[in-house]
Protein backbone atom coordinates (compact mmCIF):
# COMPACT_ATOMS: atom_id res chain seq x y z
CA UNK A 1 -22.66 16.63 -2.19
CA UNK A 2 -19.37 17.87 -3.66
CA UNK A 3 -16.63 18.49 -1.14
CA UNK A 4 -13.04 19.71 -1.17
CA UNK A 5 -10.53 16.98 -0.34
CA UNK A 6 -6.83 17.31 0.37
CA UNK A 7 -4.94 14.18 -0.71
CA UNK A 8 -1.49 14.00 0.81
CA UNK A 9 0.79 11.80 -1.25
CA UNK A 10 -1.45 12.45 -4.23
CA UNK A 11 1.41 12.09 -6.70
CA UNK A 12 2.28 8.55 -5.63
CA UNK A 13 0.87 5.34 -7.06
CA UNK A 14 -2.16 5.00 -4.82
CA UNK A 15 -2.60 8.68 -3.95
CA UNK A 16 -2.90 9.66 -7.61
CA UNK A 17 -5.54 6.99 -8.20
CA UNK A 18 -7.44 8.10 -5.08
CA UNK A 19 -7.38 11.70 -6.30
CA UNK A 20 -8.71 10.72 -9.72
CA UNK A 21 -11.46 8.57 -8.20
CA UNK A 22 -12.51 11.50 -5.99
CA UNK A 23 -12.56 13.83 -9.00
CA UNK A 24 -14.64 11.31 -10.93
CA UNK A 25 -17.36 11.35 -8.29
CA UNK A 26 -17.50 15.16 -8.33
CA UNK A 27 -15.24 16.21 -5.46
CA UNK A 28 -12.81 19.10 -5.67
CA UNK A 29 -9.31 17.74 -5.04
CA UNK A 30 -6.10 19.37 -3.88
CA UNK A 31 -2.94 17.24 -4.01
CA UNK A 32 -0.11 17.84 -1.53
CA UNK A 33 3.15 16.07 -2.34
CA UNK A 34 6.87 16.57 -2.89
CA UNK A 35 6.33 16.81 -6.64
CA UNK A 36 3.53 17.00 -9.18
CA UNK A 37 1.96 13.76 -10.47
CA UNK A 38 3.65 11.97 -13.38
CA UNK A 39 0.42 12.02 -15.37
CA UNK A 40 -1.76 15.10 -16.02
CA UNK A 41 -4.52 15.73 -13.49
CA UNK A 42 -7.47 18.05 -13.02
CA UNK A 43 -6.64 18.35 -9.33
CA UNK A 44 -5.05 21.43 -7.82
CA UNK A 45 -1.41 20.57 -7.01
CA UNK A 46 0.47 21.98 -4.02
CA UNK A 47 4.13 21.00 -3.84
CA UNK A 48 5.22 20.58 -0.26
CA UNK A 49 6.62 18.27 2.41
CA UNK A 50 4.54 16.71 5.20
CA UNK A 51 7.45 17.48 7.51
CA UNK A 52 6.57 21.18 6.99
CA UNK A 53 3.60 21.81 9.27
CA UNK A 54 3.12 25.41 8.12
CA UNK A 55 2.86 24.33 4.47
CA UNK A 56 0.33 21.67 5.43
CA UNK A 57 -1.77 24.14 7.43
CA UNK A 58 -1.89 26.45 4.42
CA UNK A 59 -2.86 23.53 2.15
CA UNK A 60 -5.70 22.63 4.53
CA UNK A 61 -7.39 25.99 4.08
CA UNK A 62 -10.97 25.52 2.88
CA UNK A 63 -10.71 21.73 2.95
CA UNK A 64 -13.57 19.49 4.16
CA UNK A 65 -11.52 16.32 4.64
CA UNK A 66 -7.88 15.26 4.50
CA UNK A 67 -7.02 11.88 3.00
CA UNK A 68 -3.53 11.18 4.32
CA UNK A 69 -1.46 8.81 2.18
CA UNK A 70 2.12 10.03 2.42
CA UNK A 71 4.43 7.26 3.58
CA UNK A 72 7.96 6.03 3.19
CA UNK A 73 7.37 2.42 2.13
CA UNK A 74 9.46 -0.62 3.18
CA UNK A 75 11.57 -0.37 0.00
CA UNK A 76 12.98 2.92 1.32
CA UNK A 77 14.87 0.99 4.05
CA UNK A 78 15.47 4.30 5.81
CA UNK A 79 14.63 4.23 9.51
CA UNK A 80 15.01 8.00 9.85
CA UNK A 81 12.52 8.61 7.05
CA UNK A 82 10.13 6.09 8.61
CA UNK A 83 10.26 8.23 11.75
CA UNK A 84 10.23 11.71 10.22
CA UNK A 85 7.73 11.05 7.41
CA UNK A 86 5.49 8.23 8.63
CA UNK A 87 5.33 9.40 12.23
CA UNK A 88 6.26 13.08 12.16
CA UNK A 89 4.35 13.67 8.92
CA UNK A 90 1.21 12.11 10.37
CA UNK A 91 1.52 14.29 13.47
CA UNK A 92 1.80 17.36 11.25
CA UNK A 93 -1.23 16.36 9.19
CA UNK A 94 -3.33 15.92 12.31
CA UNK A 95 -2.22 19.24 13.79
CA UNK A 96 -2.63 21.12 10.51
CA UNK A 97 -6.13 19.70 10.02
CA UNK A 98 -7.05 20.67 13.59
CA UNK A 99 -5.68 24.20 13.24
CA UNK A 100 -7.45 24.71 9.88
CA UNK A 101 -10.77 23.41 11.23
CA UNK A 102 -10.92 20.41 8.86
CA UNK A 103 -13.89 18.25 9.80
CA UNK A 104 -12.47 14.83 8.88
CA UNK A 105 -9.12 13.06 8.51
CA UNK A 106 -8.74 9.60 6.99
CA UNK A 107 -5.25 8.18 7.52
CA UNK A 108 -4.05 5.21 5.47
CA UNK A 109 -2.11 2.78 7.67
CA UNK A 110 -0.72 -0.68 6.85
CA UNK A 111 -1.22 -4.35 7.63
CA UNK A 112 2.49 -4.34 8.56
CA UNK A 113 1.43 -3.22 12.04
CA UNK A 114 0.31 -6.82 12.70
CA UNK A 115 3.60 -8.55 11.87
CA UNK A 116 2.90 -12.28 11.88
CA UNK A 117 -0.54 -12.59 13.51
CA UNK A 118 -1.24 -15.38 15.99
CA UNK A 119 -4.53 -16.14 14.25
CA UNK A 120 -6.41 -15.28 11.06
CA UNK A 121 -8.55 -13.58 9.96
CA UNK A 122 -7.20 -10.39 11.50
CA UNK A 123 -9.82 -7.99 12.87
CA UNK A 124 -9.63 -4.32 13.77
CA UNK A 125 -9.17 -5.38 17.40
CA UNK A 126 -6.21 -7.70 16.78
CA UNK A 127 -3.24 -6.27 18.71
CA UNK A 128 -0.46 -4.75 16.64
CA UNK A 129 2.95 -6.37 17.00
CA UNK A 130 5.12 -5.22 14.10
CA UNK A 131 8.39 -7.00 13.43
CA UNK A 132 10.33 -4.31 11.55
CA UNK A 133 10.91 -0.57 11.43
CA UNK A 134 8.29 0.29 8.82
CA UNK A 135 5.51 -1.52 10.68
CA UNK A 136 6.56 0.01 13.99
CA UNK A 137 6.44 3.51 12.50
CA UNK A 138 2.96 2.92 11.07
CA UNK A 139 1.74 1.66 14.46
CA UNK A 140 3.08 4.78 16.17
CA UNK A 141 1.25 6.86 13.55
CA UNK A 142 -1.95 5.00 14.43
CA UNK A 143 -1.35 5.83 18.08
CA UNK A 144 -1.15 9.52 17.15
CA UNK A 145 -4.48 9.18 15.35
CA UNK A 146 -6.02 7.59 18.45
CA UNK A 147 -4.70 10.44 20.60
CA UNK A 148 -6.20 12.98 18.19
CA UNK A 149 -9.56 11.23 18.51
CA UNK A 150 -9.31 11.43 22.31
CA UNK A 151 -8.69 15.17 21.92
CA UNK A 152 -11.88 15.56 19.91
CA UNK A 153 -10.83 15.19 16.25
CA UNK A 154 -12.77 13.04 13.80
CA UNK A 155 -10.05 10.70 12.52
CA UNK A 156 -10.55 7.36 10.77
CA UNK A 157 -7.77 4.85 10.09
CA UNK A 158 -7.92 2.53 7.07
CA UNK A 159 -5.56 -0.44 6.99
CA UNK A 160 -5.07 -2.00 3.53
CA UNK A 161 -3.58 -5.33 2.64
CA UNK A 162 -0.96 -5.42 -0.14
CA UNK A 163 -2.18 -3.12 -2.91
CA UNK A 164 -2.49 -4.26 -6.54
CA UNK A 165 -3.98 -2.74 -9.68
CA UNK A 166 -2.91 -1.38 -13.04
CA UNK A 167 0.31 0.58 -12.68
CA UNK A 168 1.40 -1.09 -9.43
CA UNK A 169 5.06 -1.97 -9.81
CA UNK A 170 7.84 -1.87 -7.22
CA UNK A 171 8.52 -5.40 -5.98
CA UNK A 172 5.64 -6.73 -8.09
CA UNK A 173 7.60 -5.86 -11.25
CA UNK A 174 10.09 -8.60 -10.32
CA UNK A 175 7.35 -11.22 -10.28
CA UNK A 176 5.91 -9.93 -13.54
CA UNK A 177 9.29 -9.91 -15.31
CA UNK A 178 10.00 -13.49 -14.25
CA UNK A 179 6.59 -14.68 -15.46
CA UNK A 180 6.85 -12.75 -18.74
CA UNK A 181 10.22 -14.36 -19.49
CA UNK A 182 9.13 -17.88 -18.56
CA UNK A 183 11.36 -18.02 -15.50
CA UNK A 184 10.32 -19.84 -12.32
CA UNK A 185 8.57 -17.98 -9.53
CA UNK A 186 9.02 -19.02 -5.95
CA UNK A 187 7.08 -19.72 -2.79
CA UNK A 188 8.44 -20.48 0.65
CA UNK A 189 7.90 -24.11 1.62
CA UNK A 190 4.69 -25.48 0.17
CA UNK A 191 3.33 -22.01 -0.41
CA UNK A 192 0.23 -22.83 1.61
CA UNK A 193 0.24 -19.54 3.50
CA UNK A 194 -2.94 -17.58 2.82
CA UNK A 195 -2.15 -14.11 1.51
CA UNK A 196 -4.56 -11.29 0.72
CA UNK A 197 -4.31 -8.37 -1.68
CA UNK A 198 -6.59 -5.38 -2.18
CA UNK A 199 -7.26 -3.67 -5.49
CA UNK A 200 -6.35 0.02 -5.55
CA UNK A 201 -9.81 1.04 -6.78
CA UNK A 202 -11.53 -0.98 -4.03
CA UNK A 203 -9.27 0.65 -1.44
CA UNK A 204 -9.96 4.12 -2.85
CA UNK A 205 -13.68 3.43 -2.67
CA UNK A 206 -13.38 2.43 0.99
CA UNK A 207 -11.38 5.55 1.85
CA UNK A 208 -13.83 7.88 0.12
CA UNK A 209 -16.72 6.20 1.92
CA UNK A 210 -14.84 6.56 5.21
CA UNK A 211 -14.34 10.27 4.46
CA UNK A 212 -18.10 10.64 4.02
CA UNK A 213 -18.92 8.97 7.33
CA UNK A 214 -19.01 11.04 10.49
CA UNK A 215 -17.25 9.72 13.56
CA UNK A 216 -13.86 8.09 14.15
CA UNK A 217 -13.34 4.45 13.24
CA UNK A 218 -10.80 1.85 12.13
CA UNK A 219 -11.30 -0.35 9.08
CA UNK A 220 -9.37 -3.33 7.75
CA UNK A 221 -9.68 -3.45 3.96
CA UNK A 222 -8.81 -6.41 1.72
CA UNK A 223 -9.99 -8.25 -1.36
CA UNK A 224 -12.38 -11.16 -1.64
CA UNK A 225 -11.41 -14.84 -1.51
CA UNK A 226 -7.75 -14.67 -0.47
CA UNK A 227 -6.03 -17.83 -1.68
CA UNK A 228 -2.76 -19.45 -0.76
CA UNK A 229 0.41 -18.00 -2.20
CA UNK A 230 0.89 -21.06 -4.42
CA UNK A 231 -2.70 -20.96 -5.69
CA UNK A 232 -2.46 -17.26 -6.50
CA UNK A 233 0.84 -17.54 -8.37
CA UNK A 234 -0.33 -20.65 -10.20
CA UNK A 235 -3.33 -18.75 -11.58
CA UNK A 236 -0.95 -16.09 -12.90
CA UNK A 237 1.49 -18.46 -14.60
CA UNK A 238 -1.38 -20.45 -16.11
CA UNK A 239 -2.82 -17.21 -17.48
CA UNK A 240 0.52 -16.04 -18.86
CA UNK A 241 1.31 -19.31 -20.64
CA UNK A 242 5.01 -18.48 -20.87
CA UNK A 243 6.33 -21.71 -19.37
CA UNK A 244 6.89 -20.10 -15.97
CA UNK A 245 6.39 -22.52 -13.09
CA UNK A 246 5.82 -22.17 -9.35
CA UNK A 247 8.78 -23.60 -7.44
CA UNK A 248 9.38 -24.09 -3.72
CA UNK A 249 12.28 -22.81 -1.66
CA UNK A 250 13.02 -23.96 1.91
CA UNK A 251 11.57 -21.28 4.14
CA UNK A 252 14.35 -20.76 6.68
CA UNK A 253 17.34 -20.78 4.31
CA UNK A 254 15.49 -18.66 1.72
CA UNK A 255 14.55 -15.98 4.27
CA UNK A 256 18.09 -15.92 5.69
CA UNK A 257 19.57 -15.57 2.20
CA UNK A 258 17.17 -12.71 1.36
CA UNK A 259 18.17 -10.95 4.57
CA UNK A 260 21.91 -11.35 3.99
CA UNK A 261 21.87 -10.40 0.31
CA UNK A 262 19.56 -7.44 0.92
CA UNK A 263 21.84 -6.22 3.69
CA UNK A 264 24.74 -6.35 1.24
CA UNK A 265 22.77 -4.32 -1.30
CA UNK A 266 22.47 -7.25 -3.73
CA UNK A 267 18.68 -7.62 -3.48
CA UNK A 268 15.96 -4.94 -3.44
CA UNK A 269 13.99 -6.47 -0.56
CA UNK A 270 13.27 -4.89 2.83
CA UNK A 271 12.80 -6.76 6.17
CA UNK A 272 9.02 -6.72 5.64
CA UNK A 273 9.45 -8.93 2.57
CA UNK A 274 11.59 -11.73 3.96
CA UNK A 275 9.76 -11.80 7.28
CA UNK A 276 6.22 -12.01 5.89
CA UNK A 277 6.34 -13.51 2.38
CA UNK A 278 5.83 -17.03 3.69
CA UNK A 279 3.29 -16.13 6.39
CA UNK A 280 -0.51 -16.05 6.39
CA UNK A 281 -2.30 -12.75 6.89
CA UNK A 282 -5.81 -11.90 5.80
CA UNK A 283 -8.43 -9.51 7.07
CA UNK A 284 -11.96 -9.87 8.29
CA UNK A 285 -13.52 -6.97 6.36
CA UNK A 286 -17.01 -7.22 7.83
CA UNK A 287 -16.83 -3.88 9.68
CA UNK A 288 -16.06 -1.95 6.48
CA UNK A 289 -18.80 -3.83 4.65
CA UNK A 290 -21.39 -3.09 7.32
CA UNK A 291 -20.54 0.49 8.33
CA UNK A 292 -19.41 1.82 4.95
CA UNK A 293 -21.70 -0.28 2.75
CA UNK A 294 -18.48 -1.25 0.96
CA UNK A 295 -17.92 -4.40 -1.08
CA UNK A 296 -14.65 -5.28 -2.84
CA UNK A 297 -15.06 -5.95 -6.55
CA UNK A 298 -11.79 -7.81 -7.11
CA UNK A 299 -10.31 -11.06 -5.81
CA UNK A 300 -6.65 -12.13 -5.57
CA UNK A 301 -6.39 -13.87 -8.92
CA UNK A 302 -8.21 -11.22 -10.94
CA UNK A 303 -6.24 -8.28 -9.62
CA UNK A 304 -2.89 -10.05 -10.04
CA UNK A 305 -3.70 -10.85 -13.68
CA UNK A 306 -4.86 -7.26 -14.29
CA UNK A 307 -1.63 -5.88 -12.83
CA UNK A 308 0.44 -8.30 -14.92
CA UNK A 309 -1.35 -7.36 -18.14
CA UNK A 310 -0.77 -3.65 -17.44
CA UNK A 311 2.91 -4.42 -16.93
CA UNK A 312 3.10 -6.22 -20.28
CA UNK A 313 1.38 -3.36 -22.09
CA UNK A 314 3.70 -0.72 -20.57
CA UNK A 315 6.90 -2.72 -20.10
CA UNK A 316 8.96 -0.73 -22.60
CA UNK A 317 10.14 2.50 -21.03
CA UNK A 318 9.05 1.72 -17.45
CA UNK A 319 12.53 2.31 -16.06
CA UNK A 320 12.47 5.88 -17.40
CA UNK A 321 8.94 6.65 -16.25
CA UNK A 322 9.89 7.88 -12.79
CA UNK A 323 7.53 8.32 -9.87
CA UNK A 324 7.34 6.73 -6.43
CA UNK A 325 8.69 3.35 -5.33
CA UNK A 326 5.38 1.73 -6.27
CA UNK A 327 5.24 3.40 -9.68
CA UNK A 328 8.69 2.23 -10.82
CA UNK A 329 10.26 -1.21 -11.26
CA UNK A 330 13.05 -2.09 -8.85
CA UNK A 331 16.43 -3.45 -10.01
CA UNK A 332 16.73 -7.24 -9.87
CA UNK A 333 20.23 -7.48 -8.42
CA UNK A 334 21.37 -11.09 -8.06
CA UNK A 335 17.78 -12.24 -8.62
CA UNK A 336 18.79 -12.34 -12.29
CA UNK A 337 20.52 -15.63 -11.49
CA UNK A 338 17.22 -17.23 -10.45
CA UNK A 339 15.87 -16.75 -13.97
CA UNK A 340 18.13 -19.64 -14.97
CA UNK A 341 16.91 -21.93 -12.18
CA UNK A 342 16.38 -25.39 -13.73
């Protein structure tokens, strides 16, 4: 049955894909974001800010479900925006949906709420213990969702692992540029930490299924067969055939250097990156599989190769493309020096 969906953040990397996937299955889609999507869309577009509750309430008129994806990502490095957008924006979405009589809200959270977990795989019941400002803001947003559920709203939270897919850039563009130019790519220590991705289309499928399901819930969503960081990167460099090799850096010194250089504005990384790049984190996705009848199509290696091939095909002109943090490549800074690592 066709429904009307409001996609907040529908002009961003993932939100735009989610909107198109909803349109493809026959839903009517209204996008709410600070600006219109970079690419043409058949969705209705409402330009607005999630910090404006009145604008959100108006956008919710006649909507069956809200798919909430607006977030300031770790690359923003702006604690005030983490608070006002990720926390305050979520509060506004929940209140606007309640006031407009929207039957369902699905809020996209983050695996950053778990920090470095004590054990893997991580389940929906694993306690959150974020280590940096972005993760803390996302955990507070989840708490607001839980409070809305207690007050009688039907709110589901979906927590994705690191998102990949065609068009996913941001920090990933650094990896892809190094591989394309035959430069070394790096792991911390032996690179034996197990790291999980999720393909954007698999995540969109899970969110749409969650929107169709009555009753509040929480779902951890990740791809199949998460490998170690070294295994995953080795598959990519073998596929590329550019002479790029996987090299090891000592974990402690490398993380401290990333922190210091990022603090000085010489690297594009955020605390999330240097804290978690060398750590294991993967989800038990059995609840989503059982309750949503959802199965991921992509595994780590396949989605990384797909993202890399999209980057190669669109490399020229990416810097001028514009869009969100995840739709644009980030500047390398002093990472350029690592391209010449022997």
